Amino acid sequence: MSEQKPLVITKEDEIFTLFPRLPILTNLQTGWQGISFGYMCQPASAFPEVSTSQCHSLVIFTHGARVIHAERKMGGRRHRDAVCGGDIVITPVNVGHEASWEAEGDFILLGIEQQIVAHAVEEAADADQIELVPHFATPDPLVYQIGLALKSVLENNPSGSRLYAETMVNALSVHLIQHYSTGKLILKAYKGLPRRQLQQVIDYIHAHLEQNLGLAELATLIPMSPHYFSLLFKQATGMAPHKYVIHCRVERAKELLLKGEIAIAEIARLVGFASQSHLNFHCKRLLGVTPKTLQQR
């Protein structure tokens, strides 16, 4: 392995060019803010020492119980990893990472901008004191499940996935701070969102249903960190923000469908669904009937 200075990655898609094969799936066209995602299947190969100037990087291995051995250098330390599906590797911002592996395997490459991690729970910790620590292959079921959830939403609803993805990455950021950082995180107990602030967020959601809403965008209305906003919003409404937005879209669509004046595909667009099929799916799931059935009533 080379002792040259790491190649610095500054753009989210630059890392993909270092692998023999292109990603199977990415989030490059989804509008996710501060997050990069690539689902890869790569043959036995190697990549040079790289570091990222803006993002913390996670590799989430998804190849099952089969062991793949890898020679890895990270932060100046060398290690021989025996990697199984469910393991993760954490490379903090500005830390060099070089690897070679001896068999084909699939994995998720996830980048999270450092300010997203630092501000996930800014009320509970000093952002300047939070420093993620490099980790070689380590099993982490929660990170693994979040990675699979992000992969699933990209496969099934990429254009309408922003709020869900940012909610998942916010939860992941809190987990990383709690378990893989030098900072001490003490989560506060909040009594709840004041009715006025809750109504402000609800009004904003209704006024912007057709838009690709983001978690930080909604949390800024309070203002509050995304983590606490998600907790208190669910406490107040009984639903996570992304589920509440879907509920509002279905209810708005129902109103328009019952009037029978607009085509179903146009209604889907007006209420913020990526396609008529997504409107159909959520109508059937939440109302028990299809949009066509509602429109014919």
Protein backbone atom coordinates (compact mmCIF):
# COMPACT_ATOMS: atom_id res chain seq x y z
CA MET A 1 0.00 0.00 0.00
CA SER A 2 1.22 3.46 -0.91
CA GLU A 3 2.60 5.98 1.57
CA GLN A 4 1.65 8.96 -0.60
CA LYS A 5 -0.66 11.70 0.66
CA PRO A 6 -4.36 10.80 0.47
CA LEU A 7 -6.36 11.82 -2.57
CA VAL A 8 -8.86 14.41 -1.29
CA ILE A 9 -12.46 13.89 -2.41
CA THR A 10 -14.50 17.10 -2.62
CA LYS A 11 -17.52 16.04 -4.71
CA GLU A 12 -19.91 13.28 -3.75
CA ASP A 13 -19.66 11.32 -7.01
CA GLU A 14 -15.83 11.41 -7.29
CA ILE A 15 -15.41 8.40 -5.00
CA PHE A 16 -17.40 6.18 -7.38
CA THR A 17 -14.81 6.58 -10.13
CA LEU A 18 -12.17 4.85 -8.00
CA PHE A 19 -13.97 1.50 -8.20
CA PRO A 20 -13.91 -0.96 -11.14
CA ARG A 21 -17.72 -0.88 -11.50
CA LEU A 22 -20.21 1.96 -11.35
CA PRO A 23 -22.76 1.98 -8.50
CA ILE A 24 -25.95 -0.01 -8.92
CA LEU A 25 -27.94 2.69 -7.14
CA THR A 26 -27.24 6.28 -6.05
CA ASN A 27 -29.11 9.26 -4.64
CA LEU A 28 -27.52 11.77 -7.02
CA GLN A 29 -30.89 12.90 -8.49
CA THR A 30 -33.03 12.82 -5.35
CA GLY A 31 -32.46 16.19 -3.68
CA TRP A 32 -31.18 14.70 -0.42
CA GLN A 33 -29.32 17.47 1.39
CA GLY A 34 -25.82 16.76 2.72
CA ILE A 35 -26.05 13.02 2.07
CA SER A 36 -24.43 10.84 -0.58
CA PHE A 37 -25.41 7.21 -1.12
CA GLY A 38 -24.09 4.53 -3.41
CA TYR A 39 -25.01 0.86 -3.46
CA MET A 40 -22.14 -1.09 -5.01
CA CYS A 41 -21.15 -4.60 -6.01
CA GLN A 42 -17.42 -4.74 -6.63
CA PRO A 43 -15.01 -7.53 -7.58
CA ALA A 44 -11.81 -8.22 -5.68
CA SER A 45 -9.91 -4.97 -6.06
CA ALA A 46 -8.34 -2.03 -4.23
CA PHE A 47 -8.64 1.73 -3.98
CA PRO A 48 -5.90 4.26 -3.14
CA GLU A 49 -5.76 6.22 0.09
CA VAL A 50 -8.49 8.87 0.00
CA SER A 51 -9.99 11.34 2.42
CA THR A 52 -13.07 13.54 2.25
CA SER A 53 -12.92 17.21 3.14
CA GLN A 54 -16.62 17.63 3.92
CA CYS A 55 -18.19 14.28 4.76
CA HIS A 56 -17.90 11.50 7.28
CA SER A 57 -17.92 8.21 5.36
CA LEU A 58 -19.51 4.89 6.25
CA VAL A 59 -19.20 1.59 4.46
CA ILE A 60 -22.11 -0.73 5.30
CA PHE A 61 -21.47 -4.30 4.12
CA THR A 62 -24.49 -6.19 2.78
CA HIS A 63 -23.00 -9.42 1.38
CA GLY A 64 -24.42 -11.77 4.04
CA ALA A 65 -22.61 -14.16 6.37
CA ARG A 66 -19.75 -14.90 3.96
CA VAL A 67 -16.38 -13.58 5.22
CA ILE A 68 -14.35 -11.31 2.92
CA HIS A 69 -10.84 -10.44 4.06
CA ALA A 70 -9.56 -6.92 3.47
CA GLU A 71 -6.28 -5.16 4.09
CA ARG A 72 -7.10 -1.67 5.31
CA LYS A 73 -5.18 1.46 6.28
CA MET A 74 -7.07 4.19 8.07
CA GLY A 75 -5.76 7.19 9.96
CA GLY A 76 -2.23 5.85 9.57
CA ARG A 77 -3.11 2.49 11.17
CA ARG A 78 -3.15 -0.82 9.28
CA HIS A 79 -5.53 -3.68 9.96
CA ARG A 80 -6.63 -6.94 8.36
CA ASP A 81 -10.42 -7.00 8.47
CA ALA A 82 -12.59 -10.13 8.30
CA VAL A 83 -15.76 -8.53 6.97
CA CYS A 84 -19.29 -9.97 7.13
CA GLY A 85 -22.64 -8.51 6.12
CA GLY A 86 -23.84 -6.17 8.85
CA ASP A 87 -20.35 -4.84 9.57
CA ILE A 88 -19.57 -1.14 9.12
CA VAL A 89 -16.40 0.89 8.63
CA ILE A 90 -16.34 4.52 9.79
CA THR A 91 -13.95 7.05 8.25
CA PRO A 92 -14.32 10.55 9.74
CA VAL A 93 -13.81 13.69 7.69
CA ASN A 94 -10.16 14.37 6.69
CA VAL A 95 -9.01 10.88 7.71
CA GLY A 96 -7.22 8.82 5.05
CA HIS A 97 -8.64 5.40 4.11
CA GLU A 98 -7.03 2.85 1.79
CA ALA A 99 -8.19 -0.73 1.21
CA SER A 100 -7.83 -3.88 -0.84
CA TRP A 101 -10.16 -6.89 -0.64
CA GLU A 102 -9.91 -10.42 -1.96
CA ALA A 103 -13.43 -11.35 -3.12
CA GLU A 104 -16.50 -9.82 -4.74
CA GLY A 105 -19.03 -8.27 -2.39
CA ASP A 106 -21.78 -5.72 -2.19
CA PHE A 107 -21.93 -2.76 0.17
CA ILE A 108 -23.40 0.68 0.74
CA LEU A 109 -21.14 3.72 0.66
CA LEU A 110 -22.74 6.51 2.69
CA GLY A 111 -21.39 10.03 3.13
CA ILE A 112 -22.83 12.50 5.66
CA GLU A 113 -21.69 16.11 5.72
CA GLN A 114 -19.98 16.87 9.02
CA GLN A 115 -22.32 19.74 9.91
CA ILE A 116 -25.33 17.41 9.69
CA VAL A 117 -23.76 15.13 12.29
CA ALA A 118 -22.60 18.04 14.44
CA HIS A 119 -25.99 19.80 14.40
CA ALA A 120 -28.16 16.70 14.78
CA VAL A 121 -28.41 17.32 18.53
CA GLU A 122 -26.83 20.74 18.93
CA GLU A 123 -28.82 21.43 22.12
CA ALA A 124 -27.19 18.43 23.80
CA ALA A 125 -23.54 18.81 22.84
CA ASP A 126 -21.01 21.39 21.75
CA ALA A 127 -20.55 20.81 18.02
CA ASP A 128 -16.88 21.80 18.27
CA GLN A 129 -16.29 19.02 20.80
CA ILE A 130 -17.80 16.23 18.71
CA GLU A 131 -15.19 14.20 16.89
CA LEU A 132 -15.96 10.87 15.27
CA VAL A 133 -13.34 8.16 15.76
CA PRO A 134 -12.20 5.87 12.90
CA HIS A 135 -13.44 2.29 13.19
CA PHE A 136 -12.36 -0.77 11.27
CA ALA A 137 -14.96 -3.47 10.50
CA THR A 138 -17.45 -3.46 13.37
CA PRO A 139 -20.91 -5.09 13.54
CA ASP A 140 -23.72 -2.58 14.06
CA PRO A 141 -27.29 -3.84 13.44
CA LEU A 142 -28.87 -0.37 13.67
CA VAL A 143 -26.59 1.23 11.09
CA TYR A 144 -27.07 -1.83 8.87
CA GLN A 145 -30.88 -1.52 9.04
CA ILE A 146 -30.77 2.22 8.32
CA GLY A 147 -28.57 1.52 5.30
CA LEU A 148 -31.05 -1.07 4.00
CA ALA A 149 -33.96 1.33 4.63
CA LEU A 150 -32.26 4.03 2.54
CA LYS A 151 -31.57 1.51 -0.22
CA SER A 152 -35.20 0.41 -0.20
CA VAL A 153 -36.63 3.93 -0.44
CA LEU A 154 -34.29 4.70 -3.35
CA GLU A 155 -35.46 1.58 -5.15
CA ASN A 156 -39.16 2.25 -4.60
CA ASN A 157 -39.66 6.03 -4.38
CA PRO A 158 -36.47 7.96 -5.18
CA SER A 159 -38.05 11.30 -6.09
CA GLY A 160 -40.23 11.42 -2.96
CA SER A 161 -37.63 10.15 -0.51
CA ARG A 162 -35.98 13.30 0.83
CA LEU A 163 -37.83 13.77 4.12
CA TYR A 164 -37.65 10.06 4.97
CA ALA A 165 -33.95 9.84 4.08
CA GLU A 166 -33.03 12.92 6.11
CA THR A 167 -34.99 11.58 9.09
CA MET A 168 -33.11 8.27 8.90
CA VAL A 169 -29.73 10.00 8.56
CA ASN A 170 -30.55 12.26 11.50
CA ALA A 171 -31.21 9.18 13.66
CA LEU A 172 -27.99 7.67 12.32
CA SER A 173 -26.04 10.84 13.22
CA VAL A 174 -27.28 10.70 16.81
CA HIS A 175 -26.26 7.04 16.99
CA LEU A 176 -22.78 7.83 15.64
CA ILE A 177 -22.29 10.59 18.20
CA GLN A 178 -23.45 8.35 21.03
CA HIS A 179 -21.29 5.35 20.14
CA TYR A 180 -18.42 6.41 17.88
CA SER A 181 -17.29 9.85 19.01
CA THR A 182 -15.10 11.44 21.65
CA GLY A 183 -17.88 13.81 22.74
CA LYS A 184 -20.27 13.15 25.57
CA LEU A 185 -23.91 13.36 24.56
CA ILE A 186 -26.58 14.09 27.16
CA LEU A 187 -30.01 14.13 25.56
CA LYS A 188 -32.43 16.61 27.10
CA ALA A 189 -35.99 15.82 28.03
CA TYR A 190 -38.43 18.22 26.40
CA LYS A 191 -42.02 18.59 27.59
CA GLY A 192 -43.41 19.01 24.09
CA LEU A 193 -43.91 21.42 21.22
CA PRO A 194 -45.93 24.51 22.12
CA ARG A 195 -49.25 24.50 20.24
CA ARG A 196 -48.32 27.68 18.34
CA GLN A 197 -45.05 26.20 17.06
CA LEU A 198 -46.71 22.92 16.12
CA GLN A 199 -49.39 24.77 14.17
CA GLN A 200 -46.71 26.81 12.41
CA VAL A 201 -45.07 23.62 11.14
CA ILE A 202 -48.40 22.06 10.15
CA ASP A 203 -49.42 25.18 8.24
CA TYR A 204 -46.08 25.19 6.44
CA ILE A 205 -46.48 21.53 5.45
CA HIS A 206 -49.96 22.15 4.04
CA ALA A 207 -48.74 25.21 2.14
CA HIS A 208 -45.82 23.32 0.56
CA LEU A 209 -47.20 19.80 0.05
CA GLU A 210 -46.16 19.73 -3.60
CA GLN A 211 -42.52 20.41 -2.69
CA ASN A 212 -39.75 17.97 -1.75
CA LEU A 213 -39.74 18.88 1.95
CA GLY A 214 -36.67 18.29 4.11
CA LEU A 215 -36.25 17.57 7.81
CA ALA A 216 -33.88 20.46 8.56
CA GLU A 217 -36.22 22.75 6.62
CA LEU A 218 -39.09 21.90 8.99
CA ALA A 219 -36.93 21.93 12.14
CA THR A 220 -35.67 25.43 11.29
CA LEU A 221 -39.21 26.76 11.64
CA ILE A 222 -39.12 26.19 15.41
CA PRO A 223 -35.99 26.51 15.48
CA MET A 224 -34.69 23.25 16.92
CA SER A 225 -32.25 20.50 16.02
CA PRO A 226 -33.64 17.86 13.65
CA HIS A 227 -33.37 15.19 16.34
CA TYR A 228 -35.47 16.98 18.94
CA PHE A 229 -37.89 18.25 16.31
CA SER A 230 -38.53 14.68 15.10
CA LEU A 231 -39.10 13.42 18.64
CA LEU A 232 -41.44 16.23 19.68
CA PHE A 233 -43.35 16.29 16.40
CA LYS A 234 -44.09 12.58 16.71
CA GLN A 235 -45.03 13.07 20.35
CA ALA A 236 -47.51 15.80 19.36
CA THR A 237 -49.03 14.22 16.25
CA GLY A 238 -48.50 10.50 16.75
CA MET A 239 -46.56 10.34 13.47
CA ALA A 240 -42.99 10.89 12.34
CA PRO A 241 -42.68 13.97 10.08
CA HIS A 242 -42.37 11.98 6.85
CA LYS A 243 -45.44 9.90 7.69
CA TYR A 244 -47.41 13.00 8.60
CA VAL A 245 -46.58 14.58 5.24
CA ILE A 246 -47.77 11.46 3.40
CA HIS A 247 -50.99 11.52 5.44
CA CYS A 248 -51.58 15.17 4.50
CA ARG A 249 -50.93 14.45 0.83
CA VAL A 250 -53.43 11.61 0.81
CA GLU A 251 -56.08 13.76 2.52
CA ARG A 252 -55.52 16.59 0.03
CA ALA A 253 -55.70 14.12 -2.83
CA LYS A 254 -58.95 12.71 -1.44
CA GLU A 255 -60.53 16.17 -1.46
CA LEU A 256 -59.53 16.71 -5.09
CA LEU A 257 -60.56 13.22 -6.18
CA LEU A 258 -64.03 13.57 -4.70
CA LYS A 259 -64.57 16.75 -6.74
CA GLY A 260 -63.89 14.71 -9.89
CA GLU A 261 -62.54 17.68 -11.85
CA ILE A 262 -58.83 16.82 -12.25
CA ALA A 263 -57.08 13.79 -13.72
CA ILE A 264 -55.55 11.41 -11.18
CA ALA A 265 -51.99 11.86 -12.52
CA GLU A 266 -52.31 15.65 -12.17
CA ILE A 267 -53.66 15.30 -8.62
CA ALA A 268 -50.64 13.15 -7.72
CA ARG A 269 -48.35 15.93 -8.95
CA LEU A 270 -50.31 18.68 -7.19
CA VAL A 271 -50.10 17.01 -3.79
CA GLY A 272 -46.41 16.08 -4.05
CA PHE A 273 -46.37 12.41 -5.01
CA ALA A 274 -43.72 11.31 -7.47
CA SER A 275 -46.21 9.48 -9.67
CA GLN A 276 -49.78 8.25 -9.97
CA SER A 277 -48.64 4.81 -8.81
CA HIS A 278 -47.34 6.27 -5.55
CA LEU A 279 -50.64 8.06 -4.98
CA ASN A 280 -52.42 4.78 -5.68
CA PHE A 281 -50.23 2.90 -3.21
CA HIS A 282 -50.68 5.35 -0.34
CA CYS A 283 -54.42 5.86 -0.96
CA LYS A 284 -55.00 2.14 -0.80
CA ARG A 285 -52.80 1.80 2.28
CA LEU A 286 -54.32 4.69 4.26
CA LEU A 287 -57.90 4.85 2.93
CA GLY A 288 -58.47 1.28 1.80
CA VAL A 289 -59.55 2.36 -1.71
CA THR A 290 -57.88 3.38 -4.95
CA PRO A 291 -57.92 6.95 -6.31
CA LYS A 292 -60.12 5.78 -9.19
CA THR A 293 -62.71 4.47 -6.75
CA LEU A 294 -62.75 7.80 -4.88
CA GLN A 295 -63.08 9.77 -8.08
CA GLN A 296 -66.11 7.75 -9.16
CA ARG A 297 -68.06 8.36 -5.98
